[in-house]
């Protein structure tokens, strides 16, 4: 036994089972079940710990069943990819949060954008998750990007139609931009133009794979909460 490793693997398996049980009968037009939120948060807390300890991650992953092992590996790697891109925390106003649209509505927007542009809907969903947790994070970025898909005003002027903060308009604009940047033929290049960072591209593609792995993949990501690192460790914001 290595520092409580079997309990961590068991906790992940139990949280994953509880999450899927809560999502199986869920109507995506209705609010997310509290049981799904709580189970997803338990998974996140463990994955954040694994992201900070590669040795612990390897041992815990070796004790998980194949599908869960792949999901956790993608989650942890995506977190590492994105953590290096996050600006340093500064004291200032509280982070502004809001509710995400119902998942059924977001899914409809992703599929509409795919029909219009050819950009896979799972890529658009992954970008929406990475950028603002499906629209829950209402802050402008440190560089001034706005809205649920985080557009710079100059880019929105070229690809956007309507309000940059409107999820429907933003998702369609993201699809237009990614198509103009090389998608769907070369999604890696298109995503790099969206955010010129290999780590960002890798994170989006990892989450796209996670969504594709299970029919509940998108719902499982949607169930997640926002966490920030504070002086006493990770803190859940919502």
C-alpha atoms as a PDB file:
ATOM      1  CA  UNK A   1       0.000   0.000   0.000  1.00  0.00           C
ATOM      2  CA  UNK A   2       1.453   3.386  -1.052  1.00  0.00           C
ATOM      3  CA  UNK A   3       0.179   6.320   0.994  1.00  0.00           C
ATOM      4  CA  UNK A   4      -3.493   5.404   0.865  1.00  0.00           C
ATOM      5  CA  UNK A   5      -3.468   4.491  -2.824  1.00  0.00           C
ATOM      6  CA  UNK A   6      -6.071   1.696  -2.745  1.00  0.00           C
ATOM      7  CA  UNK A   7      -8.540   3.967  -0.913  1.00  0.00           C
ATOM      8  CA  UNK A   8      -8.028   6.646  -3.569  1.00  0.00           C
ATOM      9  CA  UNK A   9      -8.714   4.180  -6.389  1.00  0.00           C
ATOM     10  CA  UNK A  10     -11.757   2.881  -4.519  1.00  0.00           C
ATOM     11  CA  UNK A  11     -13.021   6.418  -3.910  1.00  0.00           C
ATOM     12  CA  UNK A  12     -12.678   7.237  -7.598  1.00  0.00           C
ATOM     13  CA  UNK A  13     -14.554   4.105  -8.607  1.00  0.00           C
ATOM     14  CA  UNK A  14     -17.348   4.820  -6.140  1.00  0.00           C
ATOM     15  CA  UNK A  15     -17.634   8.471  -7.166  1.00  0.00           C
ATOM     16  CA  UNK A  16     -17.699   7.503 -10.845  1.00  0.00           C
ATOM     17  CA  UNK A  17     -20.408   4.892 -10.215  1.00  0.00           C
ATOM     18  CA  UNK A  18     -22.491   7.427  -8.262  1.00  0.00           C
ATOM     19  CA  UNK A  19     -22.041  10.016 -11.011  1.00  0.00           C
ATOM     20  CA  UNK A  20     -23.174   7.666 -13.757  1.00  0.00           C
ATOM     21  CA  UNK A  21     -26.107   6.424 -11.670  1.00  0.00           C
ATOM     22  CA  UNK A  22     -27.271  10.021 -11.191  1.00  0.00           C
ATOM     23  CA  UNK A  23     -26.917  10.826 -14.899  1.00  0.00           C
ATOM     24  CA  UNK A  24     -28.493   7.737 -16.468  1.00  0.00           C
ATOM     25  CA  UNK A  25     -32.083   8.861 -16.027  1.00  0.00           C
ATOM     26  CA  UNK A  26     -31.457  12.594 -16.029  1.00  0.00           C
ATOM     27  CA  UNK A  27     -33.463  14.795 -18.392  1.00  0.00           C
ATOM     28  CA  UNK A  28     -30.908  17.264 -19.781  1.00  0.00           C
ATOM     29  CA  UNK A  29     -33.563  19.970 -20.012  1.00  0.00           C
ATOM     30  CA  UNK A  30     -33.817  20.038 -16.208  1.00  0.00           C
ATOM     31  CA  UNK A  31     -31.355  21.162 -13.515  1.00  0.00           C
ATOM     32  CA  UNK A  32     -28.477  18.811 -12.817  1.00  0.00           C
ATOM     33  CA  UNK A  33     -29.154  16.377  -9.951  1.00  0.00           C
ATOM     34  CA  UNK A  34     -27.362  17.335  -6.742  1.00  0.00           C
ATOM     35  CA  UNK A  35     -26.061  13.759  -6.495  1.00  0.00           C
ATOM     36  CA  UNK A  36     -24.301  14.190  -9.841  1.00  0.00           C
ATOM     37  CA  UNK A  37     -22.687  17.482  -8.765  1.00  0.00           C
ATOM     38  CA  UNK A  38     -21.437  15.978  -5.515  1.00  0.00           C
ATOM     39  CA  UNK A  39     -20.066  12.822  -7.154  1.00  0.00           C
ATOM     40  CA  UNK A  40     -18.316  14.838  -9.867  1.00  0.00           C
ATOM     41  CA  UNK A  41     -16.756  17.094  -7.228  1.00  0.00           C
ATOM     42  CA  UNK A  42     -15.424  14.079  -5.319  1.00  0.00           C
ATOM     43  CA  UNK A  43     -13.768  12.858  -8.517  1.00  0.00           C
ATOM     44  CA  UNK A  44     -12.291  16.285  -9.188  1.00  0.00           C
ATOM     45  CA  UNK A  45     -10.727  16.600  -5.746  1.00  0.00           C
ATOM     46  CA  UNK A  46      -8.906  13.290  -6.187  1.00  0.00           C
ATOM     47  CA  UNK A  47      -7.835  14.106  -9.738  1.00  0.00           C
ATOM     48  CA  UNK A  48      -6.438  17.457  -8.612  1.00  0.00           C
ATOM     49  CA  UNK A  49      -4.359  15.604  -6.061  1.00  0.00           C
ATOM     50  CA  UNK A  50      -3.107  13.204  -8.735  1.00  0.00           C
ATOM     51  CA  UNK A  51      -2.221  16.099 -11.022  1.00  0.00           C
ATOM     52  CA  UNK A  52       0.241  17.270  -8.394  1.00  0.00           C
ATOM     53  CA  UNK A  53       1.873  13.867  -7.874  1.00  0.00           C
ATOM     54  CA  UNK A  54       2.832  11.903 -10.991  1.00  0.00           C
ATOM     55  CA  UNK A  55       4.000   8.874  -8.991  1.00  0.00           C
ATOM     56  CA  UNK A  56       0.712   8.673  -7.115  1.00  0.00           C
ATOM     57  CA  UNK A  57      -1.159   9.082 -10.394  1.00  0.00           C
ATOM     58  CA  UNK A  58       0.626   6.105 -11.985  1.00  0.00           C
ATOM     59  CA  UNK A  59      -0.151   3.813  -9.080  1.00  0.00           C
ATOM     60  CA  UNK A  60      -3.801   4.875  -8.766  1.00  0.00           C
ATOM     61  CA  UNK A  61      -4.386   4.551 -12.527  1.00  0.00           C
ATOM     62  CA  UNK A  62      -3.018   1.013 -12.456  1.00  0.00           C
ATOM     63  CA  UNK A  63      -5.807   0.066 -10.031  1.00  0.00           C
ATOM     64  CA  UNK A  64      -8.722   1.444 -12.057  1.00  0.00           C
ATOM     65  CA  UNK A  65     -10.885  -0.358 -14.638  1.00  0.00           C
ATOM     66  CA  UNK A  66     -10.066   0.502 -18.276  1.00  0.00           C
ATOM     67  CA  UNK A  67     -12.746   3.103 -19.069  1.00  0.00           C
ATOM     68  CA  UNK A  68     -12.313   4.949 -15.782  1.00  0.00           C
ATOM     69  CA  UNK A  69      -8.525   4.757 -16.107  1.00  0.00           C
ATOM     70  CA  UNK A  70      -8.720   6.443 -19.517  1.00  0.00           C
ATOM     71  CA  UNK A  71     -11.111   9.128 -18.238  1.00  0.00           C
ATOM     72  CA  UNK A  72      -8.993   9.954 -15.204  1.00  0.00           C
ATOM     73  CA  UNK A  73      -5.778   9.960 -17.236  1.00  0.00           C
ATOM     74  CA  UNK A  74      -7.295  12.441 -19.702  1.00  0.00           C
ATOM     75  CA  UNK A  75      -8.675  14.619 -16.889  1.00  0.00           C
ATOM     76  CA  UNK A  76      -5.370  14.766 -15.030  1.00  0.00           C
ATOM     77  CA  UNK A  77      -3.330  15.442 -18.169  1.00  0.00           C
ATOM     78  CA  UNK A  78      -5.760  18.154 -19.292  1.00  0.00           C
ATOM     79  CA  UNK A  79      -5.544  19.802 -15.877  1.00  0.00           C
ATOM     80  CA  UNK A  80      -1.748  19.814 -16.081  1.00  0.00           C
ATOM     81  CA  UNK A  81      -1.887  21.210 -19.612  1.00  0.00           C
ATOM     82  CA  UNK A  82      -4.175  24.059 -18.582  1.00  0.00           C
ATOM     83  CA  UNK A  83      -2.654  24.869 -15.204  1.00  0.00           C
ATOM     84  CA  UNK A  84       0.466  26.157 -16.906  1.00  0.00           C
ATOM     85  CA  UNK A  85      -1.652  28.581 -18.952  1.00  0.00           C
ATOM     86  CA  UNK A  86      -3.592  30.062 -16.043  1.00  0.00           C
ATOM     87  CA  UNK A  87      -2.496  33.568 -15.017  1.00  0.00           C
ATOM     88  CA  UNK A  88      -1.118  33.980 -11.523  1.00  0.00           C
ATOM     89  CA  UNK A  89      -3.822  34.673  -8.977  1.00  0.00           C
ATOM     90  CA  UNK A  90      -4.020  38.291  -7.884  1.00  0.00           C
ATOM     91  CA  UNK A  91      -6.097  39.926  -5.202  1.00  0.00           C
ATOM     92  CA  UNK A  92      -9.090  41.669  -6.675  1.00  0.00           C
ATOM     93  CA  UNK A  93     -12.855  41.464  -7.090  1.00  0.00           C
ATOM     94  CA  UNK A  94     -14.500  38.075  -6.528  1.00  0.00           C
ATOM     95  CA  UNK A  95     -14.729  35.811  -9.555  1.00  0.00           C
ATOM     96  CA  UNK A  96     -18.071  36.321 -11.281  1.00  0.00           C
ATOM     97  CA  UNK A  97     -20.036  33.124 -11.786  1.00  0.00           C
ATOM     98  CA  UNK A  98     -23.391  32.302 -13.304  1.00  0.00           C
ATOM     99  CA  UNK A  99     -25.489  29.309 -14.238  1.00  0.00           C
ATOM    100  CA  UNK A 100     -24.804  27.311 -17.387  1.00  0.00           C
ATOM    101  CA  UNK A 101     -27.635  26.890 -19.868  1.00  0.00           C
ATOM    102  CA  UNK A 102     -29.429  23.535 -19.692  1.00  0.00           C
ATOM    103  CA  UNK A 103     -27.270  20.872 -21.264  1.00  0.00           C
ATOM    104  CA  UNK A 104     -29.985  19.957 -23.776  1.00  0.00           C
ATOM    105  CA  UNK A 105     -29.860  23.525 -25.127  1.00  0.00           C
ATOM    106  CA  UNK A 106     -26.056  23.585 -25.310  1.00  0.00           C
ATOM    107  CA  UNK A 107     -26.020  20.218 -27.033  1.00  0.00           C
ATOM    108  CA  UNK A 108     -28.488  21.561 -29.609  1.00  0.00           C
ATOM    109  CA  UNK A 109     -26.231  24.559 -30.263  1.00  0.00           C
ATOM    110  CA  UNK A 110     -23.140  22.358 -30.678  1.00  0.00           C
ATOM    111  CA  UNK A 111     -24.968  20.135 -33.169  1.00  0.00           C
ATOM    112  CA  UNK A 112     -26.275  23.133 -35.112  1.00  0.00           C
ATOM    113  CA  UNK A 113     -22.743  24.522 -35.332  1.00  0.00           C
ATOM    114  CA  UNK A 114     -21.455  21.142 -36.524  1.00  0.00           C
ATOM    115  CA  UNK A 115     -24.098  21.024 -39.278  1.00  0.00           C
ATOM    116  CA  UNK A 116     -23.179  24.521 -40.455  1.00  0.00           C
ATOM    117  CA  UNK A 117     -19.398  24.244 -40.264  1.00  0.00           C
ATOM    118  CA  UNK A 118     -18.368  20.598 -40.159  1.00  0.00           C
ATOM    119  CA  UNK A 119     -16.520  21.189 -36.870  1.00  0.00           C
ATOM    120  CA  UNK A 120     -17.231  18.183 -34.609  1.00  0.00           C
ATOM    121  CA  UNK A 121     -19.706  19.075 -31.883  1.00  0.00           C
ATOM    122  CA  UNK A 122     -17.512  17.402 -29.267  1.00  0.00           C
ATOM    123  CA  UNK A 123     -14.668  19.822 -30.081  1.00  0.00           C
ATOM    124  CA  UNK A 124     -16.996  22.782 -29.573  1.00  0.00           C
ATOM    125  CA  UNK A 125     -18.214  21.329 -26.277  1.00  0.00           C
ATOM    126  CA  UNK A 126     -14.639  20.778 -25.090  1.00  0.00           C
ATOM    127  CA  UNK A 127     -13.680  24.363 -25.976  1.00  0.00           C
ATOM    128  CA  UNK A 128     -16.763  25.653 -24.131  1.00  0.00           C
ATOM    129  CA  UNK A 129     -15.741  23.605 -21.081  1.00  0.00           C
ATOM    130  CA  UNK A 130     -12.089  24.668 -21.134  1.00  0.00           C
ATOM    131  CA  UNK A 131     -12.851  28.347 -21.673  1.00  0.00           C
ATOM    132  CA  UNK A 132     -15.645  28.984 -19.172  1.00  0.00           C
ATOM    133  CA  UNK A 133     -16.982  25.706 -17.716  1.00  0.00           C
ATOM    134  CA  UNK A 134     -19.915  25.801 -20.166  1.00  0.00           C
ATOM    135  CA  UNK A 135     -20.527  29.493 -19.520  1.00  0.00           C
ATOM    136  CA  UNK A 136     -20.445  29.434 -15.727  1.00  0.00           C
ATOM    137  CA  UNK A 137     -17.337  31.626 -15.552  1.00  0.00           C
ATOM    138  CA  UNK A 138     -18.438  35.136 -16.476  1.00  0.00           C
ATOM    139  CA  UNK A 139     -15.076  36.892 -16.206  1.00  0.00           C
ATOM    140  CA  UNK A 140     -13.250  38.447 -19.117  1.00  0.00           C
ATOM    141  CA  UNK A 141      -9.857  36.806 -19.566  1.00  0.00           C
ATOM    142  CA  UNK A 142      -6.646  38.544 -18.538  1.00  0.00           C
ATOM    143  CA  UNK A 143      -6.162  39.437 -22.209  1.00  0.00           C
ATOM    144  CA  UNK A 144      -9.676  40.820 -22.616  1.00  0.00           C
ATOM    145  CA  UNK A 145     -11.466  37.849 -24.214  1.00  0.00           C
ATOM    146  CA  UNK A 146     -15.208  37.806 -23.598  1.00  0.00           C
ATOM    147  CA  UNK A 147     -18.176  35.466 -23.484  1.00  0.00           C
ATOM    148  CA  UNK A 148     -18.648  31.717 -23.057  1.00  0.00           C
ATOM    149  CA  UNK A 149     -16.228  30.904 -25.897  1.00  0.00           C
ATOM    150  CA  UNK A 150     -13.802  33.706 -24.950  1.00  0.00           C
ATOM    151  CA  UNK A 151     -13.490  35.860 -28.059  1.00  0.00           C
ATOM    152  CA  UNK A 152     -11.216  38.851 -28.381  1.00  0.00           C
ATOM    153  CA  UNK A 153     -13.279  41.840 -29.569  1.00  0.00           C
ATOM    154  CA  UNK A 154     -11.310  42.081 -32.821  1.00  0.00           C
ATOM    155  CA  UNK A 155     -11.908  38.398 -33.617  1.00  0.00           C
ATOM    156  CA  UNK A 156     -15.591  38.697 -32.732  1.00  0.00           C
ATOM    157  CA  UNK A 157     -15.876  41.590 -35.189  1.00  0.00           C
ATOM    158  CA  UNK A 158     -14.847  39.185 -37.959  1.00  0.00           C
ATOM    159  CA  UNK A 159     -16.627  35.983 -36.940  1.00  0.00           C
ATOM    160  CA  UNK A 160     -19.343  36.908 -34.480  1.00  0.00           C
ATOM    161  CA  UNK A 161     -22.942  37.884 -35.102  1.00  0.00           C
ATOM    162  CA  UNK A 162     -24.895  39.406 -32.263  1.00  0.00           C
ATOM    163  CA  UNK A 163     -23.846  39.445 -28.609  1.00  0.00           C
ATOM    164  CA  UNK A 164     -20.492  37.876 -27.713  1.00  0.00           C
ATOM    165  CA  UNK A 165     -21.989  36.848 -24.353  1.00  0.00           C
ATOM    166  CA  UNK A 166     -24.864  34.919 -25.942  1.00  0.00           C
ATOM    167  CA  UNK A 167     -23.984  31.188 -25.876  1.00  0.00           C
ATOM    168  CA  UNK A 168     -25.769  30.421 -29.146  1.00  0.00           C
ATOM    169  CA  UNK A 169     -24.039  33.223 -31.025  1.00  0.00           C
ATOM    170  CA  UNK A 170     -20.669  32.417 -29.436  1.00  0.00           C
ATOM    171  CA  UNK A 171     -20.770  28.694 -30.245  1.00  0.00           C
ATOM    172  CA  UNK A 172     -21.687  29.366 -33.871  1.00  0.00           C
ATOM    173  CA  UNK A 173     -18.902  31.956 -34.110  1.00  0.00           C
ATOM    174  CA  UNK A 174     -16.363  29.535 -32.644  1.00  0.00           C
ATOM    175  CA  UNK A 175     -17.319  27.001 -35.296  1.00  0.00           C
ATOM    176  CA  UNK A 176     -16.900  29.618 -38.050  1.00  0.00           C
ATOM    177  CA  UNK A 177     -13.498  30.589 -36.702  1.00  0.00           C
ATOM    178  CA  UNK A 178     -12.266  26.999 -36.394  1.00  0.00           C
ATOM    179  CA  UNK A 179     -13.399  26.243 -39.939  1.00  0.00           C
ATOM    180  CA  UNK A 180     -11.614  29.314 -41.281  1.00  0.00           C
ATOM    181  CA  UNK A 181      -8.501  28.284 -39.322  1.00  0.00           C
ATOM    182  CA  UNK A 182      -8.261  24.843 -40.960  1.00  0.00           C
ATOM    183  CA  UNK A 183     -10.992  22.685 -39.450  1.00  0.00           C
ATOM    184  CA  UNK A 184     -12.426  20.185 -39.706  1.00  0.00           C
ATOM    185  CA  UNK A 185      -9.607  18.793 -41.845  1.00  0.00           C
ATOM    186  CA  UNK A 186      -6.839  19.883 -39.463  1.00  0.00           C
ATOM    187  CA  UNK A 187      -8.378  20.380 -36.031  1.00  0.00           C
ATOM    188  CA  UNK A 188      -5.065  20.585 -34.229  1.00  0.00           C
ATOM    189  CA  UNK A 189      -3.987  23.565 -36.327  1.00  0.00           C
ATOM    190  CA  UNK A 190      -7.434  25.147 -36.067  1.00  0.00           C
ATOM    191  CA  UNK A 191      -7.370  24.883 -32.269  1.00  0.00           C
ATOM    192  CA  UNK A 192      -3.840  26.282 -32.161  1.00  0.00           C
ATOM    193  CA  UNK A 193      -5.109  29.381 -33.965  1.00  0.00           C
ATOM    194  CA  UNK A 194      -7.938  29.612 -31.425  1.00  0.00           C
ATOM    195  CA  UNK A 195      -5.338  29.650 -28.640  1.00  0.00           C
ATOM    196  CA  UNK A 196      -1.701  29.412 -29.774  1.00  0.00           C
ATOM    197  CA  UNK A 197      -0.544  26.905 -27.174  1.00  0.00           C
ATOM    198  CA  UNK A 198       0.252  23.244 -27.676  1.00  0.00           C
ATOM    199  CA  UNK A 199      -0.875  22.597 -24.098  1.00  0.00           C
ATOM    200  CA  UNK A 200      -4.265  24.199 -24.824  1.00  0.00           C
ATOM    201  CA  UNK A 201      -4.718  22.127 -27.977  1.00  0.00           C
ATOM    202  CA  UNK A 202      -3.767  18.939 -26.145  1.00  0.00           C
ATOM    203  CA  UNK A 203      -6.224  19.691 -23.318  1.00  0.00           C
ATOM    204  CA  UNK A 204      -9.138  20.312 -25.686  1.00  0.00           C
ATOM    205  CA  UNK A 205      -8.421  17.114 -27.616  1.00  0.00           C
ATOM    206  CA  UNK A 206      -8.136  15.092 -24.398  1.00  0.00           C
ATOM    207  CA  UNK A 207     -11.543  16.324 -23.267  1.00  0.00           C
ATOM    208  CA  UNK A 208     -12.992  15.662 -26.730  1.00  0.00           C
ATOM    209  CA  UNK A 209     -11.783  12.059 -26.392  1.00  0.00           C
ATOM    210  CA  UNK A 210     -13.368  11.885 -22.945  1.00  0.00           C
ATOM    211  CA  UNK A 211     -16.710  13.056 -24.309  1.00  0.00           C
ATOM    212  CA  UNK A 212     -16.504  10.518 -27.147  1.00  0.00           C
ATOM    213  CA  UNK A 213     -15.677   7.605 -24.855  1.00  0.00           C
ATOM    214  CA  UNK A 214     -19.140   7.318 -23.297  1.00  0.00           C
ATOM    215  CA  UNK A 215     -22.668   8.452 -24.049  1.00  0.00           C
ATOM    216  CA  UNK A 216     -22.559  10.159 -20.654  1.00  0.00           C
ATOM    217  CA  UNK A 217     -19.183  11.771 -21.301  1.00  0.00           C
ATOM    218  CA  UNK A 218     -20.500  15.264 -21.974  1.00  0.00           C
ATOM    219  CA  UNK A 219     -22.898  15.128 -19.030  1.00  0.00           C
ATOM    220  CA  UNK A 220     -20.058  14.014 -16.737  1.00  0.00           C
ATOM    221  CA  UNK A 221     -17.995  17.082 -17.679  1.00  0.00           C
ATOM    222  CA  UNK A 222     -21.035  19.352 -17.404  1.00  0.00           C
ATOM    223  CA  UNK A 223     -21.558  18.077 -13.839  1.00  0.00           C
ATOM    224  CA  UNK A 224     -18.180  19.422 -12.739  1.00  0.00           C
ATOM    225  CA  UNK A 225     -17.709  22.442 -10.542  1.00  0.00           C
ATOM    226  CA  UNK A 226     -15.129  25.225 -10.601  1.00  0.00           C
ATOM    227  CA  UNK A 227     -12.153  24.928  -8.253  1.00  0.00           C
ATOM    228  CA  UNK A 228      -9.387  27.438  -7.528  1.00  0.00           C
ATOM    229  CA  UNK A 229      -6.160  26.888  -5.655  1.00  0.00           C
ATOM    230  CA  UNK A 230      -5.848  28.888  -2.459  1.00  0.00           C
ATOM    231  CA  UNK A 231      -3.303  29.006   0.375  1.00  0.00           C
ATOM    232  CA  UNK A 232      -5.002  26.013   2.022  1.00  0.00           C
ATOM    233  CA  UNK A 233      -5.433  23.920  -1.108  1.00  0.00           C
ATOM    234  CA  UNK A 234      -8.194  23.623  -3.679  1.00  0.00           C
ATOM    235  CA  UNK A 235     -11.472  25.450  -3.005  1.00  0.00           C
ATOM    236  CA  UNK A 236     -14.785  24.769  -4.716  1.00  0.00           C
ATOM    237  CA  UNK A 237     -16.429  27.941  -6.005  1.00  0.00           C
ATOM    238  CA  UNK A 238     -19.878  26.720  -6.988  1.00  0.00           C
END
